[in-house]
Amino acid sequence: MRILVIEDDEVIAERLHHALTKEGYAVDTVPDGERGLALAQIRPYSLILLDVMLPGRDGVSVCEALRRGRHNVPILMLTARGQVEDKVRGLDAGADDYLPKPFEFKELLARIRALLRRDKTQKSAVLVVDDLEIDAAAKVVRRAGRDLHLTPREFSLLEALARNQGRVLTRDVIIEQVWADDRSLSNTVNFHVTSLRKKIDEGREKSLIETVHGFGYRLRGSD
């Protein structure tokens, strides 16, 4: 699982990176809201640790922008502020939880695990795009009621596209974040997309998977 840490305090960011990596998470860190928002919009993170007081764009603004863009990644806000109105502001912006600084790392880990469990439960529901159904728990895909037989890589690619419907996933994101395989080449993605299209779009005029030339791929409705 990959976590994005948006924190401008270098010491705190370094400690979080070290501690979370030690717990087995893959971690990206950025020191300001603008770069954090840009990264969160293009990479499918499992969770975001978001400081409120950030240069450029504050954490509440980042959270609001992600929710407006229909990014449902769990967000845990971190801040030195502990007043009730600040907590309410963050939660109203779309944050899932709120932890004031200073905090015990054990509590942070417990809150991360709780958010990831909650997110996993929510994601176990069937994803539907037009007449395409993806059962993430059962690893079953159907189009117009007909079962489709996908390879593991095809399934993980389709699921990622469905969870980010309308947003472009670059080839690098697919290789590094969806497949977690830095040995694959760009043409490997092209091969699997072509194979996936044949399976889900057979006999149909328009493909659900759209190529955005120079960028990557996205899943869209047939309309």
Protein backbone atom coordinates (compact mmCIF):
# COMPACT_ATOMS: atom_id res chain seq x y z
CA MET A 1 0.00 0.00 0.00
CA ARG A 2 1.26 3.49 -0.86
CA ILE A 3 0.77 6.50 1.41
CA LEU A 4 1.22 10.14 0.45
CA VAL A 5 2.54 12.42 3.20
CA ILE A 6 1.97 16.14 2.58
CA GLU A 7 3.97 17.85 5.34
CA ASP A 8 6.21 20.94 5.21
CA ASP A 9 8.11 20.23 8.43
CA GLU A 10 11.20 18.37 7.19
CA VAL A 11 11.86 16.64 10.51
CA ILE A 12 8.28 15.36 10.87
CA ALA A 13 8.13 14.34 7.20
CA GLU A 14 11.40 12.41 7.47
CA ARG A 15 10.29 10.65 10.65
CA LEU A 16 6.95 9.69 9.13
CA HIS A 17 8.66 8.41 5.98
CA HIS A 18 11.09 6.31 7.99
CA ALA A 19 8.50 4.93 10.42
CA LEU A 20 5.84 4.13 7.81
CA THR A 21 8.40 2.52 5.49
CA LYS A 22 9.52 0.36 8.42
CA GLU A 23 5.88 -0.75 8.82
CA GLY A 24 5.85 -1.96 5.22
CA TYR A 25 4.15 0.97 3.49
CA ALA A 26 5.48 2.62 0.34
CA VAL A 27 5.68 6.34 1.09
CA ASP A 28 5.89 9.52 -0.99
CA THR A 29 6.48 12.87 0.74
CA VAL A 30 5.93 16.41 -0.57
CA PRO A 31 6.41 19.70 1.34
CA ASP A 32 3.59 21.87 -0.02
CA GLY A 33 -0.09 21.74 -0.91
CA GLU A 34 0.18 22.42 -4.65
CA ARG A 35 2.59 19.59 -5.34
CA GLY A 36 0.71 17.32 -2.95
CA LEU A 37 -2.58 17.95 -4.75
CA ALA A 38 -1.00 17.39 -8.16
CA LEU A 39 0.50 14.07 -7.06
CA ALA A 40 -2.72 12.90 -5.38
CA GLN A 41 -4.65 13.59 -8.57
CA ILE A 42 -2.52 11.35 -10.77
CA ARG A 43 -1.51 8.49 -8.46
CA PRO A 44 -3.89 6.01 -6.79
CA TYR A 45 -2.83 6.24 -3.12
CA SER A 46 -4.24 4.03 -0.37
CA LEU A 47 -4.20 6.91 2.12
CA ILE A 48 -3.07 10.54 2.48
CA LEU A 49 -1.56 12.10 5.61
CA LEU A 50 -2.27 15.79 5.17
CA ASP A 51 -0.93 18.65 7.28
CA VAL A 52 -3.29 21.63 7.61
CA MET A 53 -0.73 24.45 7.70
CA LEU A 54 1.08 24.22 4.36
CA PRO A 55 2.78 26.77 2.08
CA GLY A 56 1.05 27.67 -1.17
CA ARG A 57 -2.22 25.83 -0.56
CA ASP A 58 -3.35 24.74 2.88
CA GLY A 59 -4.49 21.24 3.75
CA VAL A 60 -8.17 22.09 3.94
CA SER A 61 -8.04 23.51 0.40
CA VAL A 62 -6.22 20.39 -0.83
CA CYS A 63 -8.84 18.15 0.78
CA GLU A 64 -11.71 20.15 -0.73
CA ALA A 65 -10.13 20.01 -4.20
CA LEU A 66 -9.71 16.23 -4.02
CA ARG A 67 -13.30 15.69 -2.92
CA ARG A 68 -14.61 17.98 -5.67
CA GLY A 69 -12.67 15.84 -8.13
CA ARG A 70 -14.34 12.70 -6.70
CA HIS A 71 -11.12 11.33 -5.23
CA ASN A 72 -12.29 9.07 -2.42
CA VAL A 73 -8.87 8.22 -0.98
CA PRO A 74 -8.93 8.20 2.87
CA ILE A 75 -7.49 11.44 4.26
CA LEU A 76 -6.08 11.80 7.77
CA MET A 77 -5.37 15.42 8.65
CA LEU A 78 -2.43 16.31 10.88
CA THR A 79 -2.10 19.70 12.56
CA ALA A 80 -0.74 21.48 15.59
CA ARG A 81 -4.16 22.97 16.07
CA GLY A 82 -6.46 21.13 18.42
CA GLN A 83 -9.46 23.39 18.72
CA VAL A 84 -12.91 22.02 17.94
CA GLU A 85 -13.61 24.54 15.15
CA ASP A 86 -10.43 23.52 13.34
CA LYS A 87 -11.40 19.86 13.54
CA VAL A 88 -14.88 20.64 12.23
CA ARG A 89 -13.42 22.65 9.33
CA GLY A 90 -11.18 19.78 8.31
CA LEU A 91 -13.88 17.14 8.58
CA ASP A 92 -16.37 19.31 6.71
CA ALA A 93 -13.81 19.65 3.91
CA GLY A 94 -13.94 15.87 3.46
CA ALA A 95 -11.25 14.51 5.76
CA ASP A 96 -11.93 11.07 7.24
CA ASP A 97 -10.07 11.59 10.50
CA TYR A 98 -8.15 14.24 12.41
CA LEU A 99 -5.07 13.90 14.62
CA PRO A 100 -3.55 16.92 16.43
CA LYS A 101 0.21 17.25 16.91
CA PRO A 102 2.13 16.11 18.82
CA PHE A 103 0.86 12.54 18.55
CA GLU A 104 2.03 9.10 19.52
CA PHE A 105 3.09 7.06 16.50
CA LYS A 106 1.19 4.05 17.87
CA GLU A 107 -2.04 6.05 17.70
CA LEU A 108 -1.26 7.24 14.18
CA LEU A 109 -0.70 3.65 13.04
CA ALA A 110 -3.96 2.54 14.66
CA ARG A 111 -5.88 5.30 12.90
CA ILE A 112 -4.24 4.43 9.57
CA ARG A 113 -5.18 0.77 9.96
CA ALA A 114 -8.76 1.72 10.86
CA LEU A 115 -9.11 3.97 7.80
CA LEU A 116 -7.63 1.34 5.50
CA ARG A 117 -10.03 -1.30 6.88
CA ARG A 118 -12.97 1.04 6.38
CA ASP A 119 -11.84 1.86 2.85
CA LYS A 120 -11.37 -1.82 2.02
CA THR A 121 -14.91 -2.56 3.18
CA GLN A 122 -16.31 0.25 1.06
CA LYS A 123 -14.33 -0.89 -1.97
CA SER A 124 -15.62 -4.44 -1.69
CA ALA A 125 -18.84 -3.32 -3.36
CA VAL A 126 -19.36 -4.08 -7.04
CA LEU A 127 -18.09 -1.34 -9.37
CA VAL A 128 -20.46 -0.55 -12.24
CA VAL A 129 -19.67 1.34 -15.45
CA ASP A 130 -22.53 1.15 -17.94
CA ASP A 131 -23.23 -2.59 -18.27
CA LEU A 132 -19.77 -3.54 -17.00
CA GLU A 133 -19.67 -4.98 -13.44
CA ILE A 134 -16.48 -5.52 -11.44
CA ASP A 135 -16.69 -7.48 -8.20
CA ALA A 136 -13.40 -6.57 -6.49
CA ALA A 137 -13.82 -9.09 -3.67
CA ALA A 138 -14.77 -12.07 -5.81
CA LYS A 139 -12.46 -11.04 -8.69
CA VAL A 140 -15.33 -11.42 -11.16
CA VAL A 141 -16.02 -9.22 -14.20
CA ARG A 142 -19.23 -9.24 -16.23
CA ARG A 143 -20.32 -7.29 -19.28
CA ALA A 144 -24.06 -7.32 -20.00
CA GLY A 145 -24.38 -10.30 -17.65
CA ARG A 146 -21.68 -12.35 -19.40
CA ASP A 147 -18.64 -13.47 -17.39
CA LEU A 148 -15.28 -12.28 -18.71
CA HIS A 149 -12.08 -14.16 -17.96
CA LEU A 150 -9.21 -11.77 -17.23
CA THR A 151 -5.61 -12.33 -16.22
CA PRO A 152 -4.55 -10.90 -12.82
CA ARG A 153 -2.84 -7.96 -14.49
CA GLU A 154 -5.84 -7.26 -16.69
CA PHE A 155 -8.12 -7.36 -13.66
CA SER A 156 -5.96 -5.01 -11.55
CA LEU A 157 -5.70 -2.61 -14.50
CA LEU A 158 -9.46 -2.61 -15.11
CA GLU A 159 -10.21 -2.16 -11.40
CA ALA A 160 -7.82 0.80 -11.16
CA LEU A 161 -9.39 2.42 -14.23
CA ALA A 162 -12.88 1.88 -12.82
CA ARG A 163 -12.00 3.34 -9.42
CA ASN A 164 -10.56 6.38 -11.21
CA GLN A 165 -13.30 6.62 -13.85
CA GLY A 166 -12.86 9.69 -16.01
CA ARG A 167 -9.30 10.31 -14.80
CA VAL A 168 -6.22 9.49 -16.84
CA LEU A 169 -3.79 6.88 -15.53
CA THR A 170 -0.36 7.22 -17.11
CA ARG A 171 1.68 4.20 -18.10
CA ASP A 172 4.17 4.96 -15.33
CA VAL A 173 1.39 5.05 -12.72
CA ILE A 174 0.00 1.74 -13.98
CA ILE A 175 3.43 0.09 -13.81
CA GLU A 176 4.58 1.57 -10.50
CA GLN A 177 1.33 2.00 -8.56
CA VAL A 178 -1.21 -0.48 -9.97
CA TRP A 179 1.13 -3.38 -10.72
CA ALA A 180 3.96 -2.36 -8.34
CA ASP A 181 6.45 -3.63 -10.93
CA ASP A 182 9.28 -1.29 -11.89
CA ARG A 183 10.71 -3.86 -14.31
CA SER A 184 7.87 -3.63 -16.82
CA LEU A 185 8.18 -1.45 -19.89
CA SER A 186 5.69 0.99 -21.37
CA ASN A 187 4.83 -1.36 -24.23
CA THR A 188 3.81 -3.97 -21.65
CA VAL A 189 0.96 -1.65 -20.64
CA ASN A 190 -0.01 -1.20 -24.28
CA PHE A 191 -0.16 -4.98 -24.72
CA HIS A 192 -2.43 -5.51 -21.70
CA VAL A 193 -4.71 -2.61 -22.64
CA THR A 194 -5.14 -4.07 -26.13
CA SER A 195 -5.89 -7.51 -24.68
CA LEU A 196 -8.33 -6.05 -22.14
CA ARG A 197 -10.17 -4.09 -24.81
CA LYS A 198 -10.70 -7.22 -26.87
CA LYS A 199 -12.31 -8.95 -23.89
CA ILE A 200 -14.59 -6.20 -22.59
CA ASP A 201 -15.48 -4.45 -25.85
CA GLU A 202 -15.96 -7.39 -28.19
CA GLY A 203 -18.85 -6.73 -30.59
CA ARG A 204 -19.28 -3.10 -29.53
CA GLU A 205 -18.71 0.03 -31.60
CA LYS A 206 -17.11 2.18 -28.89
CA SER A 207 -14.49 1.10 -26.36
CA LEU A 208 -14.95 1.87 -22.68
CA ILE A 209 -11.18 2.28 -22.39
CA GLU A 210 -10.04 5.52 -24.00
CA THR A 211 -6.46 6.27 -25.03
CA VAL A 212 -5.42 9.82 -24.19
CA HIS A 213 -2.50 10.22 -26.57
CA GLY A 214 0.71 11.35 -24.92
CA PHE A 215 -0.68 10.71 -21.42
CA GLY A 216 -2.25 7.30 -20.79
CA TYR A 217 -5.68 5.68 -20.45
CA ARG A 218 -9.03 6.26 -18.78
CA LEU A 219 -12.34 4.44 -18.42
CA ARG A 220 -15.45 6.24 -19.57
CA GLY A 221 -19.11 5.48 -20.07
CA SER A 222 -20.26 4.56 -23.54
CA ASP A 223 -22.07 7.90 -23.84
